[in-house]
Amino acid sequence: EKVESLNQMFTEVQRDVKSISKSTSSEPKKEQK
């Protein structure tokens, strides 16, 4: 039961990280020359 609950928590964290990375990657990066 503990392993299943931890797996659910980590999958939620992984989804959050993916959504954050998508939102930051969509912004244009300013290249410093």
All heavy atoms as atom14 arrays in JSON, in Angstrom:
{
  "sequence": "EKVESLNQMFTEVQRDVKSISKSTSSEPKKEQK",
  "atom14_mask": [
    [1, 1, 1, 1, 1, 1, 1, 1, 1, 0, 0, 0, 0, 0],
    [1, 1, 1, 1, 1, 1, 1, 1, 1, 0, 0, 0, 0, 0],
    [1, 1, 1, 1, 1, 1, 1, 0, 0, 0, 0, 0, 0, 0],
    [1, 1, 1, 1, 1, 1, 1, 1, 1, 0, 0, 0, 0, 0],
    [1, 1, 1, 1, 1, 1, 0, 0, 0, 0, 0, 0, 0, 0],
    [1, 1, 1, 1, 1, 1, 1, 1, 0, 0, 0, 0, 0, 0],
    [1, 1, 1, 1, 1, 1, 1, 1, 0, 0, 0, 0, 0, 0],
    [1, 1, 1, 1, 1, 1, 1, 1, 1, 0, 0, 0, 0, 0],
    [1, 1, 1, 1, 1, 1, 1, 1, 0, 0, 0, 0, 0, 0],
    [1, 1, 1, 1, 1, 1, 1, 1, 1, 1, 1, 0, 0, 0],
    [1, 1, 1, 1, 1, 1, 1, 0, 0, 0, 0, 0, 0, 0],
    [1, 1, 1, 1, 1, 1, 1, 1, 1, 0, 0, 0, 0, 0],
    [1, 1, 1, 1, 1, 1, 1, 0, 0, 0, 0, 0, 0, 0],
    [1, 1, 1, 1, 1, 1, 1, 1, 1, 0, 0, 0, 0, 0],
    [1, 1, 1, 1, 1, 1, 1, 1, 1, 1, 1, 0, 0, 0],
    [1, 1, 1, 1, 1, 1, 1, 1, 0, 0, 0, 0, 0, 0],
    [1, 1, 1, 1, 1, 1, 1, 0, 0, 0, 0, 0, 0, 0],
    [1, 1, 1, 1, 1, 1, 1, 1, 1, 0, 0, 0, 0, 0],
    [1, 1, 1, 1, 1, 1, 0, 0, 0, 0, 0, 0, 0, 0],
    [1, 1, 1, 1, 1, 1, 1, 1, 0, 0, 0, 0, 0, 0],
    [1, 1, 1, 1, 1, 1, 0, 0, 0, 0, 0, 0, 0, 0],
    [1, 1, 1, 1, 1, 1, 1, 1, 1, 0, 0, 0, 0, 0],
    [1, 1, 1, 1, 1, 1, 0, 0, 0, 0, 0, 0, 0, 0],
    [1, 1, 1, 1, 1, 1, 1, 0, 0, 0, 0, 0, 0, 0],
    [1, 1, 1, 1, 1, 1, 0, 0, 0, 0, 0, 0, 0, 0],
    [1, 1, 1, 1, 1, 1, 0, 0, 0, 0, 0, 0, 0, 0],
    [1, 1, 1, 1, 1, 1, 1, 1, 1, 0, 0, 0, 0, 0],
    [1, 1, 1, 1, 1, 1, 1, 0, 0, 0, 0, 0, 0, 0],
    [1, 1, 1, 1, 1, 1, 1, 1, 1, 0, 0, 0, 0, 0],
    [1, 1, 1, 1, 1, 1, 1, 1, 1, 0, 0, 0, 0, 0],
    [1, 1, 1, 1, 1, 1, 1, 1, 1, 0, 0, 0, 0, 0],
    [1, 1, 1, 1, 1, 1, 1, 1, 1, 0, 0, 0, 0, 0],
    [1, 1, 1, 1, 1, 1, 1, 1, 1, 0, 0, 0, 0, 0]
  ],
  "atom14_positions": [
    [[0.83, -1.21, 0.0], [0.0, 0.0, 0.0], [0.87, 1.25, 0.0], [0.58, 2.22, -0.71], [-0.92, -0.01, 1.22], [-2.02, -1.06, 1.14], [-2.81, -1.17, 2.44], [-2.48, -0.45, 3.41], [-3.75, -1.97, 2.48], [0.0, 0.0, 0.0], [0.0, 0.0, 0.0], [0.0, 0.0, 0.0], [0.0, 0.0, 0.0], [0.0, 0.0, 0.0]],
    [[1.93, 1.24, 0.79], [2.83, 2.39, 0.83], [3.5, 2.61, -0.53], [3.63, 3.75, -0.99], [3.9, 2.2, 1.91], [3.38, 2.34, 3.31], [4.5, 2.15, 4.32], [3.98, 2.22, 5.73], [5.06, 2.02, 6.72], [0.0, 0.0, 0.0], [0.0, 0.0, 0.0], [0.0, 0.0, 0.0], [0.0, 0.0, 0.0], [0.0, 0.0, 0.0]],
    [[3.92, 1.52, -1.16], [4.58, 1.63, -2.47], [3.61, 2.2, -3.49], [3.98, 3.06, -4.31], [5.12, 0.25, -2.9], [5.53, 0.25, -4.35], [6.29, -0.16, -2.02], [0.0, 0.0, 0.0], [0.0, 0.0, 0.0], [0.0, 0.0, 0.0], [0.0, 0.0, 0.0], [0.0, 0.0, 0.0], [0.0, 0.0, 0.0], [0.0, 0.0, 0.0]],
    [[2.37, 1.75, -3.47], [1.38, 2.26, -4.42], [1.13, 3.75, -4.21], [1.04, 4.52, -5.17], [0.08, 1.48, -4.29], [0.16, 0.07, -4.84], [-1.12, -0.72, -4.61], [-2.12, -0.1, -4.18], [-1.11, -1.93, -4.85], [0.0, 0.0, 0.0], [0.0, 0.0, 0.0], [0.0, 0.0, 0.0], [0.0, 0.0, 0.0], [0.0, 0.0, 0.0]],
    [[1.03, 4.18, -2.95], [0.8, 5.6, -2.69], [2.0, 6.44, -3.13], [1.84, 7.52, -3.71], [0.5, 5.82, -1.21], [1.63, 5.54, -0.42], [0.0, 0.0, 0.0], [0.0, 0.0, 0.0], [0.0, 0.0, 0.0], [0.0, 0.0, 0.0], [0.0, 0.0, 0.0], [0.0, 0.0, 0.0], [0.0, 0.0, 0.0], [0.0, 0.0, 0.0]],
    [[3.21, 5.94, -2.9], [4.4, 6.66, -3.35], [4.47, 6.73, -4.86], [4.86, 7.76, -5.43], [5.66, 6.0, -2.79], [5.94, 6.22, -1.31], [7.12, 5.39, -0.87], [6.18, 7.68, -1.01], [0.0, 0.0, 0.0], [0.0, 0.0, 0.0], [0.0, 0.0, 0.0], [0.0, 0.0, 0.0], [0.0, 0.0, 0.0], [0.0, 0.0, 0.0]],
    [[4.09, 5.66, -5.53], [4.07, 5.66, -6.99], [3.11, 6.71, -7.53], [3.41, 7.42, -8.49], [3.7, 4.28, -7.53], [4.87, 3.32, -7.5], [6.01, 3.73, -7.41], [4.56, 2.05, -7.56], [0.0, 0.0, 0.0], [0.0, 0.0, 0.0], [0.0, 0.0, 0.0], [0.0, 0.0, 0.0], [0.0, 0.0, 0.0], [0.0, 0.0, 0.0]],
    [[1.95, 6.82, -6.9], [0.98, 7.83, -7.32], [1.53, 9.24, -7.11], [1.39, 10.12, -7.98], [-0.32, 7.66, -6.56], [-1.11, 6.43, -6.96], [-2.35, 6.24, -6.11], [-2.56, 6.96, -5.14], [-3.18, 5.27, -6.49], [0.0, 0.0, 0.0], [0.0, 0.0, 0.0], [0.0, 0.0, 0.0], [0.0, 0.0, 0.0], [0.0, 0.0, 0.0]],
    [[2.2, 9.45, -5.96], [2.77, 10.77, -5.7], [3.84, 11.12, -6.73], [3.9, 12.25, -7.23], [3.35, 10.81, -4.28], [2.3, 10.77, -3.19], [2.97, 10.57, -1.54], [4.08, 11.96, -1.42], [0.0, 0.0, 0.0], [0.0, 0.0, 0.0], [0.0, 0.0, 0.0], [0.0, 0.0, 0.0], [0.0, 0.0, 0.0], [0.0, 0.0, 0.0]],
    [[4.69, 10.16, -7.05], [5.77, 10.42, -8.0], [5.24, 10.64, -9.41], [5.79, 11.46, -10.15], [6.8, 9.3, -7.98], [7.73, 9.36, -6.8], [7.91, 8.25, -6.0], [8.42, 10.52, -6.5], [8.77, 8.3, -4.92], [9.27, 10.58, -5.42], [9.45, 9.47, -4.62], [0.0, 0.0, 0.0], [0.0, 0.0, 0.0], [0.0, 0.0, 0.0]],
    [[4.19, 9.95, -9.78], [3.62, 10.18, -11.11], [3.02, 11.58, -11.18], [3.13, 12.25, -12.21], [2.55, 9.13, -11.44], [1.59, 9.07, -10.39], [3.16, 7.77, -11.66], [0.0, 0.0, 0.0], [0.0, 0.0, 0.0], [0.0, 0.0, 0.0], [0.0, 0.0, 0.0], [0.0, 0.0, 0.0], [0.0, 0.0, 0.0], [0.0, 0.0, 0.0]],
    [[2.4, 12.05, -10.09], [1.88, 13.42, -10.07], [3.01, 14.43, -10.19], [2.91, 15.41, -10.93], [1.09, 13.65, -8.78], [-0.23, 12.89, -8.72], [-0.92, 13.06, -7.39], [-0.42, 13.83, -6.54], [-1.96, 12.41, -7.19], [0.0, 0.0, 0.0], [0.0, 0.0, 0.0], [0.0, 0.0, 0.0], [0.0, 0.0, 0.0], [0.0, 0.0, 0.0]],
    [[4.1, 14.19, -9.46], [5.24, 15.1, -9.53], [5.82, 15.09, -10.94], [6.19, 16.15, -11.48], [6.31, 14.69, -8.49], [7.61, 15.43, -8.72], [5.79, 14.93, -7.09], [0.0, 0.0, 0.0], [0.0, 0.0, 0.0], [0.0, 0.0, 0.0], [0.0, 0.0, 0.0], [0.0, 0.0, 0.0], [0.0, 0.0, 0.0], [0.0, 0.0, 0.0]],
    [[5.89, 13.92, -11.55], [6.42, 13.83, -12.91], [5.55, 14.6, -13.89], [6.05, 15.29, -14.78], [6.52, 12.36, -13.31], [7.31, 12.11, -14.56], [7.45, 10.63, -14.85], [6.69, 9.82, -14.33], [8.42, 10.27, -15.67], [0.0, 0.0, 0.0], [0.0, 0.0, 0.0], [0.0, 0.0, 0.0], [0.0, 0.0, 0.0], [0.0, 0.0, 0.0]],
    [[4.24, 14.49, -13.73], [3.33, 15.26, -14.6], [3.53, 16.76, -14.41], [3.55, 17.53, -15.37], [1.88, 14.9, -14.28], [1.47, 13.54, -14.75], [0.04, 13.25, -14.39], [-0.24, 11.81, -14.47], [-1.19, 11.19, -13.81], [-1.98, 11.86, -13.01], [-1.37, 9.9, -13.94], [0.0, 0.0, 0.0], [0.0, 0.0, 0.0], [0.0, 0.0, 0.0]],
    [[3.69, 17.18, -13.15], [3.91, 18.6, -12.88], [5.2, 19.08, -13.52], [5.25, 20.17, -14.11], [3.95, 18.85, -11.37], [2.61, 18.62, -10.7], [1.57, 18.61, -11.41], [2.58, 18.46, -9.46], [0.0, 0.0, 0.0], [0.0, 0.0, 0.0], [0.0, 0.0, 0.0], [0.0, 0.0, 0.0], [0.0, 0.0, 0.0], [0.0, 0.0, 0.0]],
    [[6.24, 18.29, -13.42], [7.52, 18.67, -14.01], [7.41, 18.77, -15.52], [7.95, 19.7, -16.14], [8.62, 17.67, -13.58], [9.89, 17.86, -14.4], [8.92, 17.8, -12.11], [0.0, 0.0, 0.0], [0.0, 0.0, 0.0], [0.0, 0.0, 0.0], [0.0, 0.0, 0.0], [0.0, 0.0, 0.0], [0.0, 0.0, 0.0], [0.0, 0.0, 0.0]],
    [[6.71, 17.82, -16.12], [6.53, 17.86, -17.57], [5.75, 19.1, -17.99], [6.08, 19.76, -18.97], [5.8, 16.61, -18.06], [6.67, 15.38, -18.12], [5.91, 14.2, -18.68], [6.77, 12.96, -18.75], [6.03, 11.8, -19.26], [0.0, 0.0, 0.0], [0.0, 0.0, 0.0], [0.0, 0.0, 0.0], [0.0, 0.0, 0.0], [0.0, 0.0, 0.0]],
    [[4.7, 19.42, -17.24], [3.9, 20.6, -17.6], [4.71, 21.88, -17.42], [4.61, 22.81, -18.23], [2.62, 20.64, -16.78], [2.92, 20.83, -15.41], [0.0, 0.0, 0.0], [0.0, 0.0, 0.0], [0.0, 0.0, 0.0], [0.0, 0.0, 0.0], [0.0, 0.0, 0.0], [0.0, 0.0, 0.0], [0.0, 0.0, 0.0], [0.0, 0.0, 0.0]],
    [[5.52, 21.94, -16.38], [6.36, 23.12, -16.15], [7.41, 23.24, -17.25], [7.67, 24.33, -17.76], [7.02, 23.05, -14.76], [5.96, 23.24, -13.68], [8.11, 24.09, -14.62], [6.47, 22.98, -12.27], [0.0, 0.0, 0.0], [0.0, 0.0, 0.0], [0.0, 0.0, 0.0], [0.0, 0.0, 0.0], [0.0, 0.0, 0.0], [0.0, 0.0, 0.0]],
    [[8.01, 22.11, -17.63], [9.04, 22.16, -18.67], [8.43, 22.55, -20.01], [9.06, 23.25, -20.81], [9.76, 20.82, -18.78], [8.87, 19.83, -19.24], [0.0, 0.0, 0.0], [0.0, 0.0, 0.0], [0.0, 0.0, 0.0], [0.0, 0.0, 0.0], [0.0, 0.0, 0.0], [0.0, 0.0, 0.0], [0.0, 0.0, 0.0], [0.0, 0.0, 0.0]],
    [[7.2, 22.13, -20.28], [6.54, 22.54, -21.52], [6.25, 24.03, -21.52], [6.42, 24.7, -22.54], [5.24, 21.76, -21.71], [5.44, 20.32, -22.13], [4.12, 19.62, -22.33], [4.32, 18.16, -22.71], [3.05, 17.44, -22.87], [0.0, 0.0, 0.0], [0.0, 0.0, 0.0], [0.0, 0.0, 0.0], [0.0, 0.0, 0.0], [0.0, 0.0, 0.0]],
    [[5.83, 24.55, -20.38], [5.5, 25.98, -20.33], [6.76, 26.83, -20.45], [6.75, 27.88, -21.07], [4.76, 26.31, -19.04], [5.59, 26.11, -17.92], [0.0, 0.0, 0.0], [0.0, 0.0, 0.0], [0.0, 0.0, 0.0], [0.0, 0.0, 0.0], [0.0, 0.0, 0.0], [0.0, 0.0, 0.0], [0.0, 0.0, 0.0], [0.0, 0.0, 0.0]],
    [[7.86, 26.38, -19.87], [9.09, 27.16, -19.97], [9.73, 27.0, -21.35], [10.37, 27.91, -21.84], [10.11, 26.74, -18.89], [10.37, 25.34, -19.01], [9.6, 27.05, -17.51], [0.0, 0.0, 0.0], [0.0, 0.0, 0.0], [0.0, 0.0, 0.0], [0.0, 0.0, 0.0], [0.0, 0.0, 0.0], [0.0, 0.0, 0.0], [0.0, 0.0, 0.0]],
    [[9.59, 25.85, -21.97], [10.2, 25.65, -23.28], [9.44, 26.41, -24.37], [10.0, 26.74, -25.4], [10.26, 24.17, -23.63], [8.96, 23.65, -23.78], [0.0, 0.0, 0.0], [0.0, 0.0, 0.0], [0.0, 0.0, 0.0], [0.0, 0.0, 0.0], [0.0, 0.0, 0.0], [0.0, 0.0, 0.0], [0.0, 0.0, 0.0], [0.0, 0.0, 0.0]],
    [[8.17, 26.69, -24.15], [7.4, 27.42, -25.16], [7.81, 28.9, -25.21], [7.65, 29.55, -26.23], [5.9, 27.29, -24.89], [5.59, 27.9, -23.65], [0.0, 0.0, 0.0], [0.0, 0.0, 0.0], [0.0, 0.0, 0.0], [0.0, 0.0, 0.0], [0.0, 0.0, 0.0], [0.0, 0.0, 0.0], [0.0, 0.0, 0.0], [0.0, 0.0, 0.0]],
    [[8.34, 29.42, -24.11], [8.8, 30.81, -24.11], [10.1, 30.88, -24.9], [10.97, 30.02, -24.78], [9.05, 31.28, -22.68], [7.8, 31.32, -21.83], [8.1, 31.67, -20.38], [9.3, 31.91, -20.08], [7.17, 31.7, -19.59], [0.0, 0.0, 0.0], [0.0, 0.0, 0.0], [0.0, 0.0, 0.0], [0.0, 0.0, 0.0], [0.0, 0.0, 0.0]],
    [[10.26, 31.93, -25.72], [11.51, 32.03, -26.49], [12.68, 32.36, -25.57], [12.59, 33.23, -24.71], [11.23, 33.17, -27.47], [10.16, 33.98, -26.84], [9.34, 33.03, -26.01], [0.0, 0.0, 0.0], [0.0, 0.0, 0.0], [0.0, 0.0, 0.0], [0.0, 0.0, 0.0], [0.0, 0.0, 0.0], [0.0, 0.0, 0.0], [0.0, 0.0, 0.0]],
    [[13.73, 31.66, -25.78], [14.93, 31.9, -24.98], [15.73, 33.02, -25.61], [15.92, 33.07, -26.81], [15.79, 30.63, -24.9], [15.12, 29.51, -24.14], [16.06, 28.32, -24.05], [15.41, 27.18, -23.28], [16.28, 26.01, -23.22], [0.0, 0.0, 0.0], [0.0, 0.0, 0.0], [0.0, 0.0, 0.0], [0.0, 0.0, 0.0], [0.0, 0.0, 0.0]],
    [[16.17, 33.89, -24.75], [16.99, 34.99, -25.23], [18.44, 34.53, -25.25], [18.99, 34.14, -24.23], [16.85, 36.21, -24.33], [15.45, 36.78, -24.32], [15.36, 37.97, -23.42], [13.96, 38.55, -23.39], [13.86, 39.68, -22.48], [0.0, 0.0, 0.0], [0.0, 0.0, 0.0], [0.0, 0.0, 0.0], [0.0, 0.0, 0.0], [0.0, 0.0, 0.0]],
    [[19.01, 34.58, -26.42], [20.4, 34.18, -26.54], [21.27, 35.4, -26.32], [21.06, 36.46, -26.91], [20.67, 33.59, -27.92], [19.92, 32.31, -28.19], [20.26, 31.73, -29.54], [21.26, 32.16, -30.14], [19.51, 30.86, -29.99], [0.0, 0.0, 0.0], [0.0, 0.0, 0.0], [0.0, 0.0, 0.0], [0.0, 0.0, 0.0], [0.0, 0.0, 0.0]],
    [[22.2, 35.21, -25.43], [23.11, 36.31, -25.15], [24.33, 36.14, -26.03], [25.01, 35.12, -25.98], [23.52, 36.3, -23.68], [22.36, 36.54, -22.74], [22.81, 36.47, -21.29], [23.94, 36.13, -21.0], [21.91, 36.82, -20.4], [0.0, 0.0, 0.0], [0.0, 0.0, 0.0], [0.0, 0.0, 0.0], [0.0, 0.0, 0.0], [0.0, 0.0, 0.0]],
    [[24.56, 37.13, -26.85], [25.72, 37.09, -27.72], [26.88, 37.78, -27.03], [26.74, 38.9, -26.54], [25.43, 37.77, -29.05], [24.4, 37.04, -29.87], [24.2, 37.71, -31.2], [23.17, 36.96, -32.03], [22.96, 37.6, -33.33], [0.0, 0.0, 0.0], [0.0, 0.0, 0.0], [0.0, 0.0, 0.0], [0.0, 0.0, 0.0], [0.0, 0.0, 0.0]]
  ]
}
